[in-house]
Amino acid sequence: MDSFPVIDMETLLGGERGAAMEILRDACENWGFFEILNHGITHDLMDEVEKVNKEQYDKGREQKFNEFANKALENADSEIDHLDWESTFFLRHLPVSNISEIPDLDDQYRKAMKEFAAEIEKLAERLLDLLGENLGLEKGYLKKAFCTGSKGPTFGTKVSSYPPCPRPDLVKGLRAHTDAGGIILLFQDDQVSGLQFLKDGEWLEVPPMRHAIVVNLGDQLEVITNGKYKSVVHRVVAQTDGNRMSIASFYNPGSDAVIFPAPALVEKEAEEKREVYPRFVFEDYMKLYVGHKFQAKEPRFEAMKAMEEVATHPIATS
């Protein structure tokens, strides 16, 4: 099997650009996950973000998680399929930041995460341009596709810790799913592993790598690329040792954005008679996703297609 795709972003600026773009194309078409190095976020900032997040868990969330964990495993003798072994909270950056409203975060934490979010936002938009270039789309197309409604993109960060689990045979760190949104940029622990993705029927590990950013594609990019790029099922396996840090930033369409396959790609693939993905409002997809996150994505796409057909050809009632 080919090795996990890793892209040094600096090679995109020189003579090796063609080879790097080919690794990126293959990663998007055949893996759904890749890691990037030399991405422009300083090591000092990443180290600070790691430090404040681990301190924040130790100070504010560890005790609450332990109370939850003890109840979760009490009397459990078979696999628990309705919860995840994670401590998590969510920071919203766009359209309006909520970081000042979340209690129990000190000024050092807020400052580091605001700076980190600004860098991740720029990196997400740069990656979208590179993905679009590989698809032959006009510059800026993918970002515009996220903003077809009256609002700009939505962007937020899920801050998670996966503490040691005494019974990883009974509970997952995070159950298998695809991500609903656009492009996801993850700063993960480089000491404690656990993130896995499904490729060709086999679970593979995303290798922890110091100061790397892991990138994966969400359901909306699969729709916009009409299946050229795929969102991929992934999970977090609970570990008996170590507390895994995960800082996942989701750069998504605006809530009222209308999502549909890029016409240029649909025309290109017309000769192959490839099925066209549905057209829908992102918020409608998210309402469906909330109740079906840990189920296959294909029925979600089918449900959106059915809604589209009803809207296009309403049934006569008289």
C-alpha atoms as a PDB file:
ATOM      1  CA  MET A   1       0.000   0.000   0.000  1.00  0.00           C
ATOM      2  CA  ASP A   2       1.189   3.526  -0.771  1.00  0.00           C
ATOM      3  CA  SER A   3       2.400   5.586   2.168  1.00  0.00           C
ATOM      4  CA  PHE A   4       0.131   8.144   3.832  1.00  0.00           C
ATOM      5  CA  PRO A   5       0.229  11.404   1.808  1.00  0.00           C
ATOM      6  CA  VAL A   6       2.347  14.172   3.337  1.00  0.00           C
ATOM      7  CA  ILE A   7       2.788  17.490   1.527  1.00  0.00           C
ATOM      8  CA  ASP A   8       5.531  19.998   2.279  1.00  0.00           C
ATOM      9  CA  MET A   9       3.808  23.302   1.457  1.00  0.00           C
ATOM     10  CA  GLU A  10       7.155  24.941   0.711  1.00  0.00           C
ATOM     11  CA  THR A  11       7.560  22.683  -2.342  1.00  0.00           C
ATOM     12  CA  LEU A  12       4.517  24.404  -3.855  1.00  0.00           C
ATOM     13  CA  LEU A  13       6.634  27.545  -4.246  1.00  0.00           C
ATOM     14  CA  GLY A  14       9.465  26.036  -6.305  1.00  0.00           C
ATOM     15  CA  GLY A  15      10.430  23.563  -8.987  1.00  0.00           C
ATOM     16  CA  GLU A  16       8.786  20.636  -7.184  1.00  0.00           C
ATOM     17  CA  ARG A  17       5.332  22.207  -7.383  1.00  0.00           C
ATOM     18  CA  GLY A  18       4.024  19.800 -10.016  1.00  0.00           C
ATOM     19  CA  ALA A  19       4.943  16.744  -7.960  1.00  0.00           C
ATOM     20  CA  ALA A  20       3.416  18.251  -4.807  1.00  0.00           C
ATOM     21  CA  MET A  21       0.181  19.090  -6.627  1.00  0.00           C
ATOM     22  CA  GLU A  22       0.021  15.500  -7.871  1.00  0.00           C
ATOM     23  CA  ILE A  23       0.364  14.188  -4.284  1.00  0.00           C
ATOM     24  CA  LEU A  24      -2.453  16.575  -3.306  1.00  0.00           C
ATOM     25  CA  ARG A  25      -4.657  15.391  -6.175  1.00  0.00           C
ATOM     26  CA  ASP A  26      -4.110  11.736  -5.285  1.00  0.00           C
ATOM     27  CA  ALA A  27      -4.765  12.474  -1.587  1.00  0.00           C
ATOM     28  CA  CYS A  28      -8.095  14.155  -2.371  1.00  0.00           C
ATOM     29  CA  GLU A  29      -9.253  11.516  -4.859  1.00  0.00           C
ATOM     30  CA  ASN A  30      -8.056   8.338  -3.158  1.00  0.00           C
ATOM     31  CA  TRP A  31      -7.430   9.026   0.533  1.00  0.00           C
ATOM     32  CA  GLY A  32      -9.636  11.863   1.791  1.00  0.00           C
ATOM     33  CA  PHE A  33      -6.908  12.624   4.366  1.00  0.00           C
ATOM     34  CA  PHE A  34      -3.407  14.090   4.150  1.00  0.00           C
ATOM     35  CA  GLU A  35      -0.894  15.926   6.320  1.00  0.00           C
ATOM     36  CA  ILE A  36       0.838  19.208   5.549  1.00  0.00           C
ATOM     37  CA  LEU A  37       4.181  20.542   6.788  1.00  0.00           C
ATOM     38  CA  ASN A  38       5.700  24.040   6.518  1.00  0.00           C
ATOM     39  CA  HIS A  39       2.167  25.413   6.319  1.00  0.00           C
ATOM     40  CA  GLY A  40       2.978  28.894   7.598  1.00  0.00           C
ATOM     41  CA  ILE A  41       1.773  28.531  11.193  1.00  0.00           C
ATOM     42  CA  THR A  42       4.783  29.077  13.437  1.00  0.00           C
ATOM     43  CA  HIS A  43       5.977  26.289  15.717  1.00  0.00           C
ATOM     44  CA  ASP A  44       5.947  28.753  18.618  1.00  0.00           C
ATOM     45  CA  LEU A  45       2.245  29.434  18.140  1.00  0.00           C
ATOM     46  CA  MET A  46       1.446  25.717  17.812  1.00  0.00           C
ATOM     47  CA  ASP A  47       3.422  24.979  20.978  1.00  0.00           C
ATOM     48  CA  GLU A  48       1.537  27.729  22.828  1.00  0.00           C
ATOM     49  CA  VAL A  49      -1.834  26.402  21.611  1.00  0.00           C
ATOM     50  CA  GLU A  50      -0.897  22.898  22.750  1.00  0.00           C
ATOM     51  CA  LYS A  51       0.256  24.201  26.140  1.00  0.00           C
ATOM     52  CA  VAL A  52      -2.846  26.295  26.897  1.00  0.00           C
ATOM     53  CA  ASN A  53      -5.205  23.537  25.790  1.00  0.00           C
ATOM     54  CA  LYS A  54      -3.559  20.865  27.928  1.00  0.00           C
ATOM     55  CA  GLU A  55      -3.503  23.225  30.905  1.00  0.00           C
ATOM     56  CA  GLN A  56      -7.145  24.138  30.336  1.00  0.00           C
ATOM     57  CA  TYR A  57      -8.159  20.476  30.398  1.00  0.00           C
ATOM     58  CA  ASP A  58      -6.184  19.789  33.578  1.00  0.00           C
ATOM     59  CA  LYS A  59      -7.665  22.822  35.341  1.00  0.00           C
ATOM     60  CA  GLY A  60     -11.263  22.806  34.236  1.00  0.00           C
ATOM     61  CA  ARG A  61     -12.406  19.670  32.477  1.00  0.00           C
ATOM     62  CA  GLU A  62     -10.610  16.648  33.910  1.00  0.00           C
ATOM     63  CA  GLN A  63     -12.767  16.318  37.020  1.00  0.00           C
ATOM     64  CA  LYS A  64     -16.016  16.665  35.040  1.00  0.00           C
ATOM     65  CA  PHE A  65     -14.831  14.057  32.558  1.00  0.00           C
ATOM     66  CA  ASN A  66     -13.919  11.603  35.297  1.00  0.00           C
ATOM     67  CA  GLU A  67     -17.418  11.912  36.756  1.00  0.00           C
ATOM     68  CA  PHE A  68     -18.909  11.206  33.315  1.00  0.00           C
ATOM     69  CA  ALA A  69     -16.505   8.331  32.659  1.00  0.00           C
ATOM     70  CA  ASN A  70     -17.278   6.529  35.894  1.00  0.00           C
ATOM     71  CA  LYS A  71     -21.012   6.621  35.133  1.00  0.00           C
ATOM     72  CA  ALA A  72     -20.490   5.618  31.479  1.00  0.00           C
ATOM     73  CA  LEU A  73     -18.637   2.413  32.273  1.00  0.00           C
ATOM     74  CA  GLU A  74     -20.674   1.500  35.340  1.00  0.00           C
ATOM     75  CA  ASN A  75     -22.149  -1.989  34.824  1.00  0.00           C
ATOM     76  CA  ALA A  76     -21.170  -1.976  31.121  1.00  0.00           C
ATOM     77  CA  ASP A  77     -20.404  -5.464  29.797  1.00  0.00           C
ATOM     78  CA  SER A  78     -20.871  -4.958  26.034  1.00  0.00           C
ATOM     79  CA  GLU A  79     -19.858  -2.258  23.558  1.00  0.00           C
ATOM     80  CA  ILE A  80     -21.371   1.162  24.286  1.00  0.00           C
ATOM     81  CA  ASP A  81     -22.640   2.581  20.996  1.00  0.00           C
ATOM     82  CA  HIS A  82     -24.411   5.768  22.123  1.00  0.00           C
ATOM     83  CA  LEU A  83     -21.542   7.907  23.469  1.00  0.00           C
ATOM     84  CA  ASP A  84     -17.895   8.789  22.881  1.00  0.00           C
ATOM     85  CA  TRP A  85     -14.895   8.773  25.231  1.00  0.00           C
ATOM     86  CA  GLU A  86     -14.062  12.451  24.750  1.00  0.00           C
ATOM     87  CA  SER A  87     -14.142  15.748  26.596  1.00  0.00           C
ATOM     88  CA  THR A  88     -14.995  18.516  24.160  1.00  0.00           C
ATOM     89  CA  PHE A  89     -16.199  22.073  23.643  1.00  0.00           C
ATOM     90  CA  PHE A  90     -16.678  24.266  20.592  1.00  0.00           C
ATOM     91  CA  LEU A  91     -15.270  27.684  19.693  1.00  0.00           C
ATOM     92  CA  ARG A  92     -17.065  29.635  16.970  1.00  0.00           C
ATOM     93  CA  HIS A  93     -15.007  32.097  14.891  1.00  0.00           C
ATOM     94  CA  LEU A  94     -17.279  33.004  11.953  1.00  0.00           C
ATOM     95  CA  PRO A  95     -19.681  34.602  11.355  1.00  0.00           C
ATOM     96  CA  VAL A  96     -19.318  35.907  14.959  1.00  0.00           C
ATOM     97  CA  SER A  97     -16.786  34.723  17.533  1.00  0.00           C
ATOM     98  CA  ASN A  98     -18.054  33.312  20.832  1.00  0.00           C
ATOM     99  CA  ILE A  99     -14.629  32.911  22.467  1.00  0.00           C
ATOM    100  CA  SER A 100     -15.201  35.812  24.883  1.00  0.00           C
ATOM    101  CA  GLU A 101     -18.505  34.280  26.044  1.00  0.00           C
ATOM    102  CA  ILE A 102     -17.194  30.853  27.078  1.00  0.00           C
ATOM    103  CA  PRO A 103     -16.595  30.729  30.837  1.00  0.00           C
ATOM    104  CA  ASP A 104     -13.460  29.390  32.520  1.00  0.00           C
ATOM    105  CA  LEU A 105     -11.064  30.425  29.718  1.00  0.00           C
ATOM    106  CA  ASP A 106      -8.246  32.743  30.770  1.00  0.00           C
ATOM    107  CA  ASP A 107      -6.884  35.634  28.713  1.00  0.00           C
ATOM    108  CA  GLN A 108      -3.802  33.678  27.657  1.00  0.00           C
ATOM    109  CA  TYR A 109      -6.021  30.923  26.250  1.00  0.00           C
ATOM    110  CA  ARG A 110      -8.316  33.325  24.394  1.00  0.00           C
ATOM    111  CA  LYS A 111      -5.363  35.217  22.881  1.00  0.00           C
ATOM    112  CA  ALA A 112      -3.593  32.054  21.651  1.00  0.00           C
ATOM    113  CA  MET A 113      -6.742  30.532  20.153  1.00  0.00           C
ATOM    114  CA  LYS A 114      -7.778  33.765  18.403  1.00  0.00           C
ATOM    115  CA  GLU A 115      -4.341  34.013  16.790  1.00  0.00           C
ATOM    116  CA  PHE A 116      -4.384  30.320  15.858  1.00  0.00           C
ATOM    117  CA  ALA A 117      -7.883  30.580  14.344  1.00  0.00           C
ATOM    118  CA  ALA A 118      -6.801  33.517  12.139  1.00  0.00           C
ATOM    119  CA  GLU A 119      -3.887  31.448  10.798  1.00  0.00           C
ATOM    120  CA  ILE A 120      -6.035  28.343  10.257  1.00  0.00           C
ATOM    121  CA  GLU A 121      -8.638  30.399   8.373  1.00  0.00           C
ATOM    122  CA  LYS A 122      -5.980  31.694   5.958  1.00  0.00           C
ATOM    123  CA  LEU A 123      -4.589  28.184   5.519  1.00  0.00           C
ATOM    124  CA  ALA A 124      -8.046  26.716   4.816  1.00  0.00           C
ATOM    125  CA  GLU A 125      -8.667  29.302   2.094  1.00  0.00           C
ATOM    126  CA  ARG A 126      -5.243  28.654   0.579  1.00  0.00           C
ATOM    127  CA  LEU A 127      -5.948  24.916   0.504  1.00  0.00           C
ATOM    128  CA  LEU A 128      -9.342  25.458  -1.130  1.00  0.00           C
ATOM    129  CA  ASP A 129      -7.605  27.391  -3.915  1.00  0.00           C
ATOM    130  CA  LEU A 130      -5.112  24.549  -4.403  1.00  0.00           C
ATOM    131  CA  LEU A 131      -7.900  21.966  -4.505  1.00  0.00           C
ATOM    132  CA  GLY A 132      -9.777  24.080  -7.025  1.00  0.00           C
ATOM    133  CA  GLU A 133      -6.670  24.474  -9.166  1.00  0.00           C
ATOM    134  CA  ASN A 134      -6.241  20.705  -9.325  1.00  0.00           C
ATOM    135  CA  LEU A 135      -9.872  20.398 -10.428  1.00  0.00           C
ATOM    136  CA  GLY A 136      -9.431  22.983 -13.176  1.00  0.00           C
ATOM    137  CA  LEU A 137     -11.881  25.393 -11.526  1.00  0.00           C
ATOM    138  CA  GLU A 138     -11.495  29.157 -11.679  1.00  0.00           C
ATOM    139  CA  LYS A 139      -9.465  30.687  -8.845  1.00  0.00           C
ATOM    140  CA  GLY A 140     -11.574  31.279  -5.773  1.00  0.00           C
ATOM    141  CA  TYR A 141     -14.442  29.043  -6.948  1.00  0.00           C
ATOM    142  CA  LEU A 142     -14.580  26.802  -3.868  1.00  0.00           C
ATOM    143  CA  LYS A 143     -14.578  29.690  -1.394  1.00  0.00           C
ATOM    144  CA  LYS A 144     -17.334  31.369  -3.414  1.00  0.00           C
ATOM    145  CA  ALA A 145     -19.289  28.105  -3.391  1.00  0.00           C
ATOM    146  CA  PHE A 146     -19.294  28.300   0.419  1.00  0.00           C
ATOM    147  CA  CYS A 147     -20.756  31.821   0.250  1.00  0.00           C
ATOM    148  CA  THR A 148     -23.661  31.539  -2.222  1.00  0.00           C
ATOM    149  CA  GLY A 149     -26.164  32.706   0.403  1.00  0.00           C
ATOM    150  CA  SER A 150     -26.318  36.075   2.131  1.00  0.00           C
ATOM    151  CA  LYS A 151     -23.668  35.100   4.686  1.00  0.00           C
ATOM    152  CA  GLY A 152     -19.982  34.272   4.522  1.00  0.00           C
ATOM    153  CA  PRO A 153     -18.530  30.900   5.508  1.00  0.00           C
ATOM    154  CA  THR A 154     -19.004  29.393   8.951  1.00  0.00           C
ATOM    155  CA  PHE A 155     -15.838  28.514  10.794  1.00  0.00           C
ATOM    156  CA  GLY A 156     -15.259  26.997  14.205  1.00  0.00           C
ATOM    157  CA  THR A 157     -12.963  24.778  16.252  1.00  0.00           C
ATOM    158  CA  LYS A 158     -13.822  21.648  18.209  1.00  0.00           C
ATOM    159  CA  VAL A 159     -11.390  21.335  21.124  1.00  0.00           C
ATOM    160  CA  SER A 160     -11.210  17.724  22.328  1.00  0.00           C
ATOM    161  CA  SER A 161      -9.284  15.599  24.787  1.00  0.00           C
ATOM    162  CA  TYR A 162      -9.337  11.809  24.701  1.00  0.00           C
ATOM    163  CA  PRO A 163      -8.246  10.727  28.194  1.00  0.00           C
ATOM    164  CA  PRO A 164      -6.949   7.232  29.019  1.00  0.00           C
ATOM    165  CA  CYS A 165      -9.720   4.661  28.832  1.00  0.00           C
ATOM    166  CA  PRO A 166      -9.659   1.540  31.025  1.00  0.00           C
ATOM    167  CA  ARG A 167     -11.960  -0.365  28.626  1.00  0.00           C
ATOM    168  CA  PRO A 168     -11.215   0.600  24.997  1.00  0.00           C
ATOM    169  CA  ASP A 169     -12.901  -2.664  23.988  1.00  0.00           C
ATOM    170  CA  LEU A 170     -16.223  -1.207  25.185  1.00  0.00           C
ATOM    171  CA  VAL A 171     -16.185   2.381  23.935  1.00  0.00           C
ATOM    172  CA  LYS A 172     -14.729   4.414  21.041  1.00  0.00           C
ATOM    173  CA  GLY A 173     -12.996   7.732  21.550  1.00  0.00           C
ATOM    174  CA  LEU A 174     -15.221   8.964  18.713  1.00  0.00           C
ATOM    175  CA  ARG A 175     -17.530   6.737  16.704  1.00  0.00           C
ATOM    176  CA  ALA A 176     -17.037   6.293  12.943  1.00  0.00           C
ATOM    177  CA  HIS A 177     -18.482   9.078  10.769  1.00  0.00           C
ATOM    178  CA  THR A 178     -17.796  11.432   7.879  1.00  0.00           C
ATOM    179  CA  ASP A 179     -17.629  15.186   8.511  1.00  0.00           C
ATOM    180  CA  ALA A 180     -20.626  17.142   7.254  1.00  0.00           C
ATOM    181  CA  GLY A 181     -18.892  20.360   6.267  1.00  0.00           C
ATOM    182  CA  GLY A 182     -16.239  21.643   3.904  1.00  0.00           C
ATOM    183  CA  ILE A 183     -12.559  21.308   4.755  1.00  0.00           C
ATOM    184  CA  ILE A 184     -11.260  20.282   8.175  1.00  0.00           C
ATOM    185  CA  LEU A 185      -7.826  21.218   9.539  1.00  0.00           C
ATOM    186  CA  LEU A 186      -6.665  19.273  12.571  1.00  0.00           C
ATOM    187  CA  PHE A 187      -3.826  19.995  14.980  1.00  0.00           C
ATOM    188  CA  GLN A 188      -3.466  16.656  16.752  1.00  0.00           C
ATOM    189  CA  ASP A 189      -1.321  15.266  19.514  1.00  0.00           C
ATOM    190  CA  ASP A 190       2.041  14.034  18.215  1.00  0.00           C
ATOM    191  CA  GLN A 191       2.593  11.658  21.152  1.00  0.00           C
ATOM    192  CA  VAL A 192      -0.733   9.847  21.516  1.00  0.00           C
ATOM    193  CA  SER A 193      -2.274   8.231  18.444  1.00  0.00           C
ATOM    194  CA  GLY A 194      -5.838   7.077  17.857  1.00  0.00           C
ATOM    195  CA  LEU A 195      -7.210   8.791  14.736  1.00  0.00           C
ATOM    196  CA  GLN A 196      -8.025   6.226  12.041  1.00  0.00           C
ATOM    197  CA  PHE A 197      -9.708   6.417   8.630  1.00  0.00           C
ATOM    198  CA  LEU A 198     -11.241   3.790   6.364  1.00  0.00           C
ATOM    199  CA  LYS A 199      -9.484   3.051   3.068  1.00  0.00           C
ATOM    200  CA  ASP A 200     -10.322   0.068   0.845  1.00  0.00           C
ATOM    201  CA  GLY A 201     -12.148  -1.615   3.714  1.00  0.00           C
ATOM    202  CA  GLU A 202      -9.230  -1.296   6.138  1.00  0.00           C
ATOM    203  CA  TRP A 203      -8.739   1.016   9.120  1.00  0.00           C
ATOM    204  CA  LEU A 204      -5.483   2.981   8.772  1.00  0.00           C
ATOM    205  CA  GLU A 205      -3.881   5.292  11.295  1.00  0.00           C
ATOM    206  CA  VAL A 206      -3.231   8.969  10.630  1.00  0.00           C
ATOM    207  CA  PRO A 207       0.395   9.130  11.765  1.00  0.00           C
ATOM    208  CA  PRO A 208       1.076  11.658  14.546  1.00  0.00           C
ATOM    209  CA  MET A 209       3.682  14.137  13.282  1.00  0.00           C
ATOM    210  CA  ARG A 210       5.176  17.079  15.171  1.00  0.00           C
ATOM    211  CA  HIS A 211       3.896  20.486  14.017  1.00  0.00           C
ATOM    212  CA  ALA A 212       1.894  18.987  11.133  1.00  0.00           C
ATOM    213  CA  ILE A 213      -1.686  19.869  10.248  1.00  0.00           C
ATOM    214  CA  VAL A 214      -3.951  16.990   9.227  1.00  0.00           C
ATOM    215  CA  VAL A 215      -6.480  17.838   6.510  1.00  0.00           C
ATOM    216  CA  ASN A 216      -9.620  15.933   5.602  1.00  0.00           C
ATOM    217  CA  LEU A 217     -12.517  16.648   3.302  1.00  0.00           C
ATOM    218  CA  GLY A 218     -16.162  16.930   4.328  1.00  0.00           C
ATOM    219  CA  ASP A 219     -19.421  15.935   2.638  1.00  0.00           C
ATOM    220  CA  GLN A 220     -19.908  19.386   1.061  1.00  0.00           C
ATOM    221  CA  LEU A 221     -16.693  19.125  -0.952  1.00  0.00           C
ATOM    222  CA  GLU A 222     -17.799  15.706  -2.178  1.00  0.00           C
ATOM    223  CA  VAL A 223     -21.020  17.295  -3.471  1.00  0.00           C
ATOM    224  CA  ILE A 224     -19.360  20.369  -5.009  1.00  0.00           C
ATOM    225  CA  THR A 225     -16.789  18.175  -6.806  1.00  0.00           C
ATOM    226  CA  ASN A 226     -19.581  15.767  -7.842  1.00  0.00           C
ATOM    227  CA  GLY A 227     -17.772  12.882  -6.192  1.00  0.00           C
ATOM    228  CA  LYS A 228     -14.342  13.599  -7.660  1.00  0.00           C
ATOM    229  CA  TYR A 229     -13.130  14.182  -4.097  1.00  0.00           C
ATOM    230  CA  LYS A 230     -14.620  12.089  -1.301  1.00  0.00           C
ATOM    231  CA  SER A 231     -15.333  12.572   2.382  1.00  0.00           C
ATOM    232  CA  VAL A 232     -13.964   9.565   4.240  1.00  0.00           C
ATOM    233  CA  VAL A 233     -15.217   7.632   7.268  1.00  0.00           C
ATOM    234  CA  HIS A 234     -12.948   8.093  10.289  1.00  0.00           C
ATOM    235  CA  ARG A 235     -12.950   7.407  14.024  1.00  0.00           C
ATOM    236  CA  VAL A 236     -10.879   7.849  17.175  1.00  0.00           C
ATOM    237  CA  VAL A 237      -9.871   4.687  19.013  1.00  0.00           C
ATOM    238  CA  ALA A 238      -9.706   5.060  22.788  1.00  0.00           C
ATOM    239  CA  GLN A 239      -6.284   4.362  24.308  1.00  0.00           C
ATOM    240  CA  THR A 240      -5.361   2.938  27.703  1.00  0.00           C
ATOM    241  CA  ASP A 241      -2.414   5.352  28.056  1.00  0.00           C
ATOM    242  CA  GLY A 242      -1.977   9.070  27.378  1.00  0.00           C
ATOM    243  CA  ASN A 243      -4.420  11.954  26.954  1.00  0.00           C
ATOM    244  CA  ARG A 244      -4.758  12.713  23.227  1.00  0.00           C
ATOM    245  CA  MET A 245      -5.231  16.365  22.267  1.00  0.00           C
ATOM    246  CA  SER A 246      -7.313  17.182  19.172  1.00  0.00           C
ATOM    247  CA  ILE A 247      -7.984  20.699  17.876  1.00  0.00           C
ATOM    248  CA  ALA A 248     -10.150  20.351  14.759  1.00  0.00           C
ATOM    249  CA  SER A 249     -11.132  23.478  12.815  1.00  0.00           C
ATOM    250  CA  PHE A 250     -14.074  23.263  10.403  1.00  0.00           C
ATOM    251  CA  TYR A 251     -14.220  25.710   7.500  1.00  0.00           C
ATOM    252  CA  ASN A 252     -17.785  25.258   6.238  1.00  0.00           C
ATOM    253  CA  PRO A 253     -20.312  26.907   3.931  1.00  0.00           C
ATOM    254  CA  GLY A 254     -22.584  29.618   5.277  1.00  0.00           C
ATOM    255  CA  SER A 255     -25.804  28.287   6.777  1.00  0.00           C
ATOM    256  CA  ASP A 256     -27.901  29.586   3.867  1.00  0.00           C
ATOM    257  CA  ALA A 257     -25.383  28.671   1.134  1.00  0.00           C
ATOM    258  CA  VAL A 258     -26.853  26.659  -1.719  1.00  0.00           C
ATOM    259  CA  ILE A 259     -24.578  23.675  -2.327  1.00  0.00           C
ATOM    260  CA  PHE A 260     -24.478  21.974  -5.724  1.00  0.00           C
ATOM    261  CA  PRO A 261     -21.947  20.290  -8.034  1.00  0.00           C
ATOM    262  CA  ALA A 262     -19.691  22.700  -9.934  1.00  0.00           C
ATOM    263  CA  PRO A 263     -21.196  22.976 -13.442  1.00  0.00           C
ATOM    264  CA  ALA A 264     -17.727  22.804 -15.032  1.00  0.00           C
ATOM    265  CA  LEU A 265     -17.144  19.396 -13.415  1.00  0.00           C
ATOM    266  CA  VAL A 266     -20.599  18.079 -14.288  1.00  0.00           C
ATOM    267  CA  GLU A 267     -20.075  19.037 -17.948  1.00  0.00           C
ATOM    268  CA  LYS A 268     -16.634  17.430 -17.944  1.00  0.00           C
ATOM    269  CA  GLU A 269     -18.045  14.175 -16.623  1.00  0.00           C
ATOM    270  CA  ALA A 270     -21.198  14.135 -18.775  1.00  0.00           C
ATOM    271  CA  GLU A 271     -19.610  11.705 -21.210  1.00  0.00           C
ATOM    272  CA  GLU A 272     -19.061   9.236 -18.368  1.00  0.00           C
ATOM    273  CA  LYS A 273     -22.799   9.448 -17.546  1.00  0.00           C
ATOM    274  CA  ARG A 274     -21.867   9.944 -13.925  1.00  0.00           C
ATOM    275  CA  GLU A 275     -24.717  10.584 -11.502  1.00  0.00           C
ATOM    276  CA  VAL A 276     -25.057  14.189 -10.453  1.00  0.00           C
ATOM    277  CA  TYR A 277     -25.076  14.971  -6.722  1.00  0.00           C
ATOM    278  CA  PRO A 278     -28.055  16.897  -5.278  1.00  0.00           C
ATOM    279  CA  ARG A 279     -28.585  20.627  -4.810  1.00  0.00           C
ATOM    280  CA  PHE A 280     -29.565  21.801  -1.301  1.00  0.00           C
ATOM    281  CA  VAL A 281     -29.173  24.472   1.366  1.00  0.00           C
ATOM    282  CA  PHE A 282     -26.326  23.677   3.764  1.00  0.00           C
ATOM    283  CA  GLU A 283     -28.490  24.305   6.851  1.00  0.00           C
ATOM    284  CA  ASP A 284     -30.997  21.692   5.645  1.00  0.00           C
ATOM    285  CA  TYR A 285     -28.205  19.152   5.305  1.00  0.00           C
ATOM    286  CA  MET A 286     -26.945  19.941   8.804  1.00  0.00           C
ATOM    287  CA  LYS A 287     -30.410  19.412  10.304  1.00  0.00           C
ATOM    288  CA  LEU A 288     -30.429  15.927   8.787  1.00  0.00           C
ATOM    289  CA  TYR A 289     -26.798  15.243   9.768  1.00  0.00           C
ATOM    290  CA  VAL A 290     -27.365  15.966  13.464  1.00  0.00           C
ATOM    291  CA  GLY A 291     -29.586  12.919  13.811  1.00  0.00           C
ATOM    292  CA  HIS A 292     -27.630  10.674  11.447  1.00  0.00           C
ATOM    293  CA  LYS A 293     -23.973  11.617  12.010  1.00  0.00           C
ATOM    294  CA  PHE A 294     -22.860   8.094  12.832  1.00  0.00           C
ATOM    295  CA  GLN A 295     -24.634   6.532   9.849  1.00  0.00           C
ATOM    296  CA  ALA A 296     -23.595   6.253   6.202  1.00  0.00           C
ATOM    297  CA  LYS A 297     -23.537   9.484   4.189  1.00  0.00           C
ATOM    298  CA  GLU A 298     -25.222   8.017   1.076  1.00  0.00           C
ATOM    299  CA  PRO A 299     -28.758   8.018   2.565  1.00  0.00           C
ATOM    300  CA  ARG A 300     -28.233  11.662   3.524  1.00  0.00           C
ATOM    301  CA  PHE A 301     -27.394  12.512  -0.083  1.00  0.00           C
ATOM    302  CA  GLU A 302     -30.447  10.517  -1.244  1.00  0.00           C
ATOM    303  CA  ALA A 303     -32.692  12.392   1.189  1.00  0.00           C
ATOM    304  CA  MET A 304     -31.374  15.715  -0.145  1.00  0.00           C
ATOM    305  CA  LYS A 305     -31.987  14.533  -3.704  1.00  0.00           C
ATOM    306  CA  ALA A 306     -35.566  13.585  -2.813  1.00  0.00           C
ATOM    307  CA  MET A 307     -36.123  17.047  -1.305  1.00  0.00           C
ATOM    308  CA  GLU A 308     -34.690  18.627  -4.457  1.00  0.00           C
ATOM    309  CA  GLU A 309     -37.043  16.597  -6.678  1.00  0.00           C
ATOM    310  CA  VAL A 310     -40.074  17.556  -4.597  1.00  0.00           C
ATOM    311  CA  ALA A 311     -39.072  21.235  -4.797  1.00  0.00           C
ATOM    312  CA  THR A 312     -38.538  20.967  -8.567  1.00  0.00           C
ATOM    313  CA  HIS A 313     -41.665  18.891  -9.297  1.00  0.00           C
ATOM    314  CA  PRO A 314     -44.198  19.546  -6.506  1.00  0.00           C
ATOM    315  CA  ILE A 315     -47.033  17.044  -6.267  1.00  0.00           C
ATOM    316  CA  ALA A 316     -50.389  18.489  -7.285  1.00  0.00           C
ATOM    317  CA  THR A 317     -52.870  18.506  -4.396  1.00  0.00           C
ATOM    318  CA  SER A 318     -56.023  19.449  -6.306  1.00  0.00           C
END
